[in-house]
C-alpha atoms as a PDB file:
ATOM      1  CA  MET A   1      -4.214 -16.276  -1.848  1.00  0.00           C
ATOM      2  CA  VAL A   2      -6.604 -17.216   0.920  1.00  0.00           C
ATOM      3  CA  GLN A   3      -9.219 -14.473   1.022  1.00  0.00           C
ATOM      4  CA  GLN A   4      -9.816 -13.397   4.589  1.00  0.00           C
ATOM      5  CA  THR A   5     -13.138 -12.004   5.764  1.00  0.00           C
ATOM      6  CA  ILE A   6     -12.262  -8.433   6.645  1.00  0.00           C
ATOM      7  CA  LEU A   7     -14.701  -5.921   8.058  1.00  0.00           C
ATOM      8  CA  TRP A   8     -13.975  -2.439   6.785  1.00  0.00           C
ATOM      9  CA  SER A   9     -15.494  -0.397   9.597  1.00  0.00           C
ATOM     10  CA  PRO A  10     -15.883   3.348  10.188  1.00  0.00           C
ATOM     11  CA  PRO A  11     -12.952   4.488  12.343  1.00  0.00           C
ATOM     12  CA  PRO A  12     -13.486   5.300  16.027  1.00  0.00           C
ATOM     13  CA  LYS A  13     -13.505   8.945  17.084  1.00  0.00           C
ATOM     14  CA  GLU A  14     -10.424   8.354  19.235  1.00  0.00           C
ATOM     15  CA  LEU A  15      -7.595   6.539  17.471  1.00  0.00           C
ATOM     16  CA  ALA A  16      -5.178   4.535  19.610  1.00  0.00           C
ATOM     17  CA  LEU A  17      -2.056   3.171  17.925  1.00  0.00           C
ATOM     18  CA  SER A  18       0.365   0.965  19.852  1.00  0.00           C
ATOM     19  CA  SER A  19       3.360  -0.983  18.586  1.00  0.00           C
ATOM     20  CA  ASP A  20       1.074  -4.018  18.270  1.00  0.00           C
ATOM     21  CA  ASP A  21      -1.411  -2.249  15.992  1.00  0.00           C
ATOM     22  CA  VAL A  22      -1.574  -2.097  12.213  1.00  0.00           C
ATOM     23  CA  HIS A  23      -4.260   0.194  10.832  1.00  0.00           C
ATOM     24  CA  VAL A  24      -5.258   0.012   7.179  1.00  0.00           C
ATOM     25  CA  TRP A  25      -7.498   2.679   5.669  1.00  0.00           C
ATOM     26  CA  CYS A  26      -9.445   2.360   2.421  1.00  0.00           C
ATOM     27  CA  ALA A  27     -10.856   5.436   0.691  1.00  0.00           C
ATOM     28  CA  SER A  28     -12.487   6.395  -2.577  1.00  0.00           C
ATOM     29  CA  LEU A  29     -10.608   8.969  -4.622  1.00  0.00           C
ATOM     30  CA  GLU A  30     -13.823   9.970  -6.380  1.00  0.00           C
ATOM     31  CA  GLN A  31     -15.164  12.832  -4.241  1.00  0.00           C
ATOM     32  CA  PRO A  32     -17.599  15.700  -4.847  1.00  0.00           C
ATOM     33  CA  ALA A  33     -16.114  18.941  -6.167  1.00  0.00           C
ATOM     34  CA  SER A  34     -16.715  20.663  -2.823  1.00  0.00           C
ATOM     35  CA  ARG A  35     -14.715  18.005  -0.979  1.00  0.00           C
ATOM     36  CA  VAL A  36     -11.902  18.149  -3.546  1.00  0.00           C
ATOM     37  CA  GLU A  37     -11.661  21.904  -2.973  1.00  0.00           C
ATOM     38  CA  GLN A  38     -11.567  21.438   0.833  1.00  0.00           C
ATOM     39  CA  LEU A  39      -8.711  18.963   0.494  1.00  0.00           C
ATOM     40  CA  ARG A  40      -6.889  21.229  -1.946  1.00  0.00           C
ATOM     41  CA  GLN A  41      -6.758  23.922   0.746  1.00  0.00           C
ATOM     42  CA  ILE A  42      -4.648  21.768   3.096  1.00  0.00           C
ATOM     43  CA  LEU A  43      -1.964  20.807   0.566  1.00  0.00           C
ATOM     44  CA  SER A  44       1.493  22.337   0.518  1.00  0.00           C
ATOM     45  CA  ALA A  45       2.729  24.526  -2.329  1.00  0.00           C
ATOM     46  CA  GLU A  46       4.907  21.643  -3.552  1.00  0.00           C
ATOM     47  CA  GLU A  47       1.913  19.281  -3.608  1.00  0.00           C
ATOM     48  CA  LEU A  48      -0.218  21.812  -5.470  1.00  0.00           C
ATOM     49  CA  SER A  49       2.563  22.184  -8.017  1.00  0.00           C
ATOM     50  CA  ARG A  50       2.637  18.408  -8.472  1.00  0.00           C
ATOM     51  CA  ALA A  51      -1.136  18.348  -8.916  1.00  0.00           C
ATOM     52  CA  GLU A  52      -0.948  20.938 -11.682  1.00  0.00           C
ATOM     53  CA  ARG A  53       1.482  18.774 -13.653  1.00  0.00           C
ATOM     54  CA  PHE A  54      -1.203  16.144 -14.316  1.00  0.00           C
ATOM     55  CA  TYR A  55      -2.560  16.463 -17.846  1.00  0.00           C
ATOM     56  CA  PHE A  56      -5.974  14.932 -17.189  1.00  0.00           C
ATOM     57  CA  GLU A  57      -8.308  16.622 -14.718  1.00  0.00           C
ATOM     58  CA  GLN A  58      -9.426  13.280 -13.273  1.00  0.00           C
ATOM     59  CA  HIS A  59      -5.836  12.369 -12.368  1.00  0.00           C
ATOM     60  CA  LYS A  60      -5.281  15.807 -10.848  1.00  0.00           C
ATOM     61  CA  LYS A  61      -8.375  15.446  -8.649  1.00  0.00           C
ATOM     62  CA  ARG A  62      -7.367  11.952  -7.555  1.00  0.00           C
ATOM     63  CA  PHE A  63      -3.935  13.216  -6.519  1.00  0.00           C
ATOM     64  CA  ILE A  64      -5.463  16.069  -4.514  1.00  0.00           C
ATOM     65  CA  VAL A  65      -7.900  13.744  -2.752  1.00  0.00           C
ATOM     66  CA  GLY A  66      -5.295  11.066  -2.081  1.00  0.00           C
ATOM     67  CA  ARG A  67      -2.797  13.504  -0.634  1.00  0.00           C
ATOM     68  CA  GLY A  68      -5.415  15.447   1.282  1.00  0.00           C
ATOM     69  CA  LEU A  69      -6.791  12.300   2.897  1.00  0.00           C
ATOM     70  CA  LEU A  70      -3.267  11.187   3.828  1.00  0.00           C
ATOM     71  CA  ARG A  71      -2.725  14.497   5.617  1.00  0.00           C
ATOM     72  CA  THR A  72      -6.118  14.221   7.315  1.00  0.00           C
ATOM     73  CA  ILE A  73      -5.506  10.663   8.520  1.00  0.00           C
ATOM     74  CA  LEU A  74      -1.998  11.380   9.798  1.00  0.00           C
ATOM     75  CA  GLY A  75      -3.188  14.569  11.450  1.00  0.00           C
ATOM     76  CA  ARG A  76      -5.614  12.528  13.526  1.00  0.00           C
ATOM     77  CA  TYR A  77      -2.843  10.286  14.823  1.00  0.00           C
ATOM     78  CA  LEU A  78      -0.506  13.201  15.503  1.00  0.00           C
ATOM     79  CA  GLY A  79      -3.119  15.496  17.023  1.00  0.00           C
ATOM     80  CA  ILE A  80      -2.341  18.346  14.607  1.00  0.00           C
ATOM     81  CA  GLU A  81      -4.062  20.087  11.717  1.00  0.00           C
ATOM     82  CA  PRO A  82      -3.686  18.278   8.365  1.00  0.00           C
ATOM     83  CA  SER A  83      -1.963  21.322   6.859  1.00  0.00           C
ATOM     84  CA  GLN A  84       0.737  21.075   9.546  1.00  0.00           C
ATOM     85  CA  VAL A  85       1.819  17.564   8.526  1.00  0.00           C
ATOM     86  CA  GLN A  86       5.237  17.703   6.883  1.00  0.00           C
ATOM     87  CA  PHE A  87       6.976  15.001   4.885  1.00  0.00           C
ATOM     88  CA  SER A  88      10.502  13.902   4.105  1.00  0.00           C
ATOM     89  CA  TYR A  89      11.535  11.402   1.433  1.00  0.00           C
ATOM     90  CA  GLY A  90      13.961   8.488   1.354  1.00  0.00           C
ATOM     91  CA  ALA A  91      16.590   7.841  -1.296  1.00  0.00           C
ATOM     92  CA  HIS A  92      14.039   6.026  -3.473  1.00  0.00           C
ATOM     93  CA  GLY A  93      11.138   8.362  -2.782  1.00  0.00           C
ATOM     94  CA  LYS A  94       9.441   6.668   0.168  1.00  0.00           C
ATOM     95  CA  PRO A  95       7.569   9.341   2.152  1.00  0.00           C
ATOM     96  CA  ALA A  96       7.940   9.632   5.939  1.00  0.00           C
ATOM     97  CA  LEU A  97       7.030  12.176   8.570  1.00  0.00           C
ATOM     98  CA  GLU A  98       9.446  15.075   8.812  1.00  0.00           C
ATOM     99  CA  ALA A  99      11.719  14.804  11.868  1.00  0.00           C
ATOM    100  CA  LYS A 100      10.822  18.344  12.974  1.00  0.00           C
ATOM    101  CA  LEU A 101       7.363  17.070  13.920  1.00  0.00           C
ATOM    102  CA  GLY A 102       8.994  15.662  17.038  1.00  0.00           C
ATOM    103  CA  GLU A 103       9.637  12.173  18.295  1.00  0.00           C
ATOM    104  CA  SER A 104       6.706  10.648  16.423  1.00  0.00           C
ATOM    105  CA  THR A 105       6.945   6.887  15.986  1.00  0.00           C
ATOM    106  CA  VAL A 106       4.172   6.772  13.386  1.00  0.00           C
ATOM    107  CA  GLN A 107       5.100   4.956  10.172  1.00  0.00           C
ATOM    108  CA  PHE A 108       2.898   4.935   7.080  1.00  0.00           C
ATOM    109  CA  ASN A 109       2.676   3.909   3.471  1.00  0.00           C
ATOM    110  CA  VAL A 110       0.280   4.662   0.628  1.00  0.00           C
ATOM    111  CA  SER A 111      -0.886   3.021  -2.569  1.00  0.00           C
ATOM    112  CA  HIS A 112      -3.646   3.750  -5.041  1.00  0.00           C
ATOM    113  CA  SER A 113      -5.102   2.202  -8.178  1.00  0.00           C
ATOM    114  CA  GLN A 114      -7.932   3.551 -10.296  1.00  0.00           C
ATOM    115  CA  ASP A 115     -10.257   5.272  -7.801  1.00  0.00           C
ATOM    116  CA  ILE A 116      -9.280   3.450  -4.582  1.00  0.00           C
ATOM    117  CA  ALA A 117      -6.527   4.487  -2.162  1.00  0.00           C
ATOM    118  CA  LEU A 118      -5.030   2.375   0.607  1.00  0.00           C
ATOM    119  CA  TYR A 119      -3.152   3.781   3.617  1.00  0.00           C
ATOM    120  CA  GLY A 120      -1.205   1.686   6.133  1.00  0.00           C
ATOM    121  CA  VAL A 121      -0.263   3.145   9.520  1.00  0.00           C
ATOM    122  CA  THR A 122       1.859   1.591  12.273  1.00  0.00           C
ATOM    123  CA  CYS A 123       3.862   2.559  15.329  1.00  0.00           C
ATOM    124  CA  ASN A 124       7.582   1.699  15.285  1.00  0.00           C
ATOM    125  CA  ARG A 125       7.138  -0.894  12.527  1.00  0.00           C
ATOM    126  CA  LEU A 126       8.037  -0.595   8.870  1.00  0.00           C
ATOM    127  CA  ILE A 127       5.017  -1.060   6.619  1.00  0.00           C
ATOM    128  CA  GLY A 128       4.367  -1.220   2.897  1.00  0.00           C
ATOM    129  CA  VAL A 129       1.043  -1.427   1.062  1.00  0.00           C
ATOM    130  CA  ASP A 130       0.146  -2.066  -2.548  1.00  0.00           C
ATOM    131  CA  ILE A 131      -3.201  -2.177  -4.327  1.00  0.00           C
ATOM    132  CA  GLU A 132      -3.962  -3.061  -7.928  1.00  0.00           C
ATOM    133  CA  TYR A 133      -7.111  -3.002 -10.004  1.00  0.00           C
ATOM    134  CA  ILE A 134      -7.492  -6.453 -11.556  1.00  0.00           C
ATOM    135  CA  ARG A 135      -7.401  -6.112 -15.321  1.00  0.00           C
ATOM    136  CA  PRO A 136      -6.330  -8.161 -18.344  1.00  0.00           C
ATOM    137  CA  MET A 137      -2.557  -8.179 -18.840  1.00  0.00           C
ATOM    138  CA  SER A 138      -1.622  -9.391 -22.303  1.00  0.00           C
ATOM    139  CA  ASP A 139       2.081  -9.318 -21.377  1.00  0.00           C
ATOM    140  CA  ALA A 140       1.731 -11.016 -17.975  1.00  0.00           C
ATOM    141  CA  GLU A 141       3.775 -14.079 -18.951  1.00  0.00           C
ATOM    142  CA  GLN A 142       6.578 -11.909 -20.338  1.00  0.00           C
ATOM    143  CA  ILE A 143       6.639  -9.837 -17.141  1.00  0.00           C
ATOM    144  CA  VAL A 144       6.750 -12.971 -14.999  1.00  0.00           C
ATOM    145  CA  GLU A 145       9.591 -14.433 -17.067  1.00  0.00           C
ATOM    146  CA  ARG A 146      11.607 -11.225 -16.905  1.00  0.00           C
ATOM    147  CA  PHE A 147      10.991  -9.969 -13.381  1.00  0.00           C
ATOM    148  CA  PHE A 148       9.958 -12.905 -11.176  1.00  0.00           C
ATOM    149  CA  ALA A 149      12.137 -15.622  -9.646  1.00  0.00           C
ATOM    150  CA  ALA A 150      12.732 -18.805 -11.629  1.00  0.00           C
ATOM    151  CA  THR A 151      10.671 -20.909  -9.218  1.00  0.00           C
ATOM    152  CA  GLU A 152       7.803 -18.407  -9.435  1.00  0.00           C
ATOM    153  CA  ASN A 153       8.017 -18.420 -13.214  1.00  0.00           C
ATOM    154  CA  ALA A 154       7.708 -22.216 -13.298  1.00  0.00           C
ATOM    155  CA  LEU A 155       4.766 -22.229 -10.883  1.00  0.00           C
ATOM    156  CA  PHE A 156       2.996 -19.499 -12.826  1.00  0.00           C
ATOM    157  CA  ARG A 157       3.340 -21.286 -16.166  1.00  0.00           C
ATOM    158  CA  ALA A 158       1.949 -24.490 -14.648  1.00  0.00           C
ATOM    159  CA  LEU A 159      -1.244 -22.779 -13.466  1.00  0.00           C
ATOM    160  CA  PRO A 160      -4.529 -23.151 -15.337  1.00  0.00           C
ATOM    161  CA  THR A 161      -5.260 -20.132 -17.520  1.00  0.00           C
ATOM    162  CA  THR A 162      -8.274 -19.295 -15.332  1.00  0.00           C
ATOM    163  CA  GLN A 163      -5.996 -18.710 -12.311  1.00  0.00           C
ATOM    164  CA  LYS A 164      -3.178 -16.781 -13.942  1.00  0.00           C
ATOM    165  CA  GLN A 165      -4.678 -13.296 -13.732  1.00  0.00           C
ATOM    166  CA  GLU A 166      -5.330 -13.561  -9.984  1.00  0.00           C
ATOM    167  CA  ALA A 167      -1.953 -15.202  -9.382  1.00  0.00           C
ATOM    168  CA  PHE A 168      -0.116 -12.456 -11.263  1.00  0.00           C
ATOM    169  CA  PHE A 169      -1.638  -9.670  -9.168  1.00  0.00           C
ATOM    170  CA  ASN A 170      -1.178 -11.666  -5.947  1.00  0.00           C
ATOM    171  CA  CYS A 171       2.520 -11.937  -6.703  1.00  0.00           C
ATOM    172  CA  TRP A 172       2.950  -8.358  -7.878  1.00  0.00           C
ATOM    173  CA  THR A 173       1.211  -6.713  -4.903  1.00  0.00           C
ATOM    174  CA  SER A 174       3.046  -8.881  -2.359  1.00  0.00           C
ATOM    175  CA  LYS A 175       6.466  -8.044  -3.816  1.00  0.00           C
ATOM    176  CA  GLU A 176       5.615  -4.354  -4.148  1.00  0.00           C
ATOM    177  CA  ALA A 177       4.325  -4.158  -0.565  1.00  0.00           C
ATOM    178  CA  TYR A 178       7.600  -5.571   0.756  1.00  0.00           C
ATOM    179  CA  LEU A 179       9.776  -3.306  -1.416  1.00  0.00           C
ATOM    180  CA  LYS A 180       7.772  -0.261  -0.352  1.00  0.00           C
ATOM    181  CA  ALA A 181       8.138  -1.231   3.308  1.00  0.00           C
ATOM    182  CA  CYS A 182      11.925  -1.322   2.879  1.00  0.00           C
ATOM    183  CA  GLY A 183      11.911   1.925   0.949  1.00  0.00           C
ATOM    184  CA  ASP A 184      13.604   0.271  -2.027  1.00  0.00           C
ATOM    185  CA  GLY A 185      10.760   0.471  -4.522  1.00  0.00           C
ATOM    186  CA  LEU A 186      11.783  -0.949  -7.873  1.00  0.00           C
ATOM    187  CA  ALA A 187      15.433  -0.131  -7.144  1.00  0.00           C
ATOM    188  CA  ARG A 188      15.725  -3.773  -6.050  1.00  0.00           C
ATOM    189  CA  SER A 189      14.987  -6.527  -8.568  1.00  0.00           C
ATOM    190  CA  LEU A 190      11.664  -8.292  -8.127  1.00  0.00           C
ATOM    191  CA  ASN A 191      13.290 -11.644  -8.879  1.00  0.00           C
ATOM    192  CA  HIS A 192      15.373 -11.406  -5.688  1.00  0.00           C
ATOM    193  CA  ILE A 193      12.192 -11.783  -3.622  1.00  0.00           C
ATOM    194  CA  GLU A 194      10.063 -14.929  -3.532  1.00  0.00           C
ATOM    195  CA  VAL A 195       6.465 -14.959  -2.310  1.00  0.00           C
ATOM    196  CA  SER A 196       3.543 -17.338  -2.266  1.00  0.00           C
ATOM    197  CA  PHE A 197       0.949 -16.341  -4.847  1.00  0.00           C
ATOM    198  CA  ILE A 198      -1.047 -19.414  -5.903  1.00  0.00           C
ATOM    199  CA  PRO A 199      -4.789 -18.723  -5.514  1.00  0.00           C
ATOM    200  CA  GLY A 200      -5.957 -20.399  -2.302  1.00  0.00           C
ATOM    201  CA  GLU A 201      -2.581 -20.147  -0.551  1.00  0.00           C
ATOM    202  CA  PRO A 202      -1.945 -17.781   2.369  1.00  0.00           C
ATOM    203  CA  ALA A 203       0.238 -14.774   1.571  1.00  0.00           C
ATOM    204  CA  ARG A 204       3.837 -15.402   2.683  1.00  0.00           C
ATOM    205  CA  LEU A 205       7.253 -13.914   2.035  1.00  0.00           C
ATOM    206  CA  LEU A 206       9.389 -16.994   1.300  1.00  0.00           C
ATOM    207  CA  SER A 207      12.884 -15.621   0.759  1.00  0.00           C
ATOM    208  CA  ILE A 208      14.843 -12.421   0.233  1.00  0.00           C
ATOM    209  CA  GLU A 209      18.054 -12.655  -1.796  1.00  0.00           C
ATOM    210  CA  GLY A 210      17.774 -16.432  -1.329  1.00  0.00           C
ATOM    211  CA  SER A 211      17.503 -16.171   2.481  1.00  0.00           C
ATOM    212  CA  PRO A 212      14.379 -17.592   4.181  1.00  0.00           C
ATOM    213  CA  SER A 213      15.607 -16.235   7.537  1.00  0.00           C
ATOM    214  CA  SER A 214      15.571 -12.669   6.194  1.00  0.00           C
ATOM    215  CA  ALA A 215      12.039 -13.210   4.938  1.00  0.00           C
ATOM    216  CA  ALA A 216      10.966 -14.508   8.364  1.00  0.00           C
ATOM    217  CA  ARG A 217      11.368 -10.969   9.795  1.00  0.00           C
ATOM    218  CA  TRP A 218       8.319  -9.904   7.810  1.00  0.00           C
ATOM    219  CA  CYS A 219       4.637 -10.715   7.707  1.00  0.00           C
ATOM    220  CA  LEU A 220       2.504 -10.497   4.572  1.00  0.00           C
ATOM    221  CA  ARG A 221      -1.277 -10.205   4.486  1.00  0.00           C
ATOM    222  CA  ASP A 222      -3.576 -10.051   1.486  1.00  0.00           C
ATOM    223  CA  LEU A 223      -6.594  -7.745   1.475  1.00  0.00           C
ATOM    224  CA  THR A 224      -9.699  -7.198  -0.604  1.00  0.00           C
ATOM    225  CA  PRO A 225     -10.445  -3.478  -0.231  1.00  0.00           C
ATOM    226  CA  ALA A 226     -13.125  -3.443  -2.951  1.00  0.00           C
ATOM    227  CA  SER A 227     -14.598  -5.670  -5.616  1.00  0.00           C
ATOM    228  CA  GLY A 228     -12.217  -6.038  -8.539  1.00  0.00           C
ATOM    229  CA  TYR A 229      -9.107  -5.098  -6.546  1.00  0.00           C
ATOM    230  CA  VAL A 230      -6.334  -7.061  -4.869  1.00  0.00           C
ATOM    231  CA  ALA A 231      -4.006  -5.661  -2.223  1.00  0.00           C
ATOM    232  CA  ALA A 232      -1.231  -6.709   0.138  1.00  0.00           C
ATOM    233  CA  ILE A 233       0.517  -5.290   3.177  1.00  0.00           C
ATOM    234  CA  ALA A 234       4.000  -6.143   4.415  1.00  0.00           C
ATOM    235  CA  VAL A 235       4.763  -5.398   8.062  1.00  0.00           C
ATOM    236  CA  GLU A 236       8.014  -5.750   9.986  1.00  0.00           C
ATOM    237  CA  GLY A 237       7.691  -8.355  12.728  1.00  0.00           C
ATOM    238  CA  HIS A 238       4.838 -10.557  13.868  1.00  0.00           C
ATOM    239  CA  ASP A 239       2.285 -10.695  16.694  1.00  0.00           C
ATOM    240  CA  TRP A 240       0.387  -7.595  15.606  1.00  0.00           C
ATOM    241  CA  ARG A 241      -3.318  -7.009  15.212  1.00  0.00           C
ATOM    242  CA  MET A 242      -4.902  -5.379  12.202  1.00  0.00           C
ATOM    243  CA  ASN A 243      -7.851  -3.027  12.020  1.00  0.00           C
ATOM    244  CA  CYS A 244      -9.295  -2.005   8.670  1.00  0.00           C
ATOM    245  CA  TRP A 245     -11.021   1.370   8.509  1.00  0.00           C
ATOM    246  CA  GLN A 246     -13.265   2.669   5.727  1.00  0.00           C
ATOM    247  CA  TRP A 247     -12.916   6.413   5.211  1.00  0.00           C
ATOM    248  CA  SER A 248     -16.444   7.822   5.176  1.00  0.00           C
ATOM    249  CA  GLU A 249     -16.241  11.615   5.517  1.00  0.00           C
END
């Protein structure tokens, strides 16, 4: 994809979110023990129970930090304490704000890979985010053949070997971002969605279930949140502006 120059800035003290805004937050999940403990204190009993189910301590800490930062970020938009944020879940597990919080129009989505988390926040627009750490995938061609559209499979196989790793993760994150925006996750087949993914091309959703007009409702953007990572966001509609914030507390 075409790599855009994105400035990951510290967020302003006062956050304003209109229907034309898309805010993307990037944060490190590797935090000092004191910060991990602070974030642990704002989690719900259900979240703490989930944290305890992780076998490795590193994964447990990353879950606590990721969930605690989500609560902290959303609390800033809602004007409430992070511990007061309450979630509901869609049929395929997509989190949303609990209706009892009022008539909030805030939409959000979360993704994490290795030690980086990405949070997307909008107002009255569906959003999905996906981030992946770029790593060797010995079964990439088998995954493409099985899960990607026939046209994507042909394009992927025709690429030089030096471009295949980047192309694979471009394609995967774009599809995942769209599916997460819809709330479908992997309940919908990846090969029913076609995206642009050739290195050097802009990110685009080309068709959904064979329909370019359905794809035209959505806008894809690729992001580089950190060296060695690739990410994508899918947002309902067009004519929005994006701000990228680096969590620094």
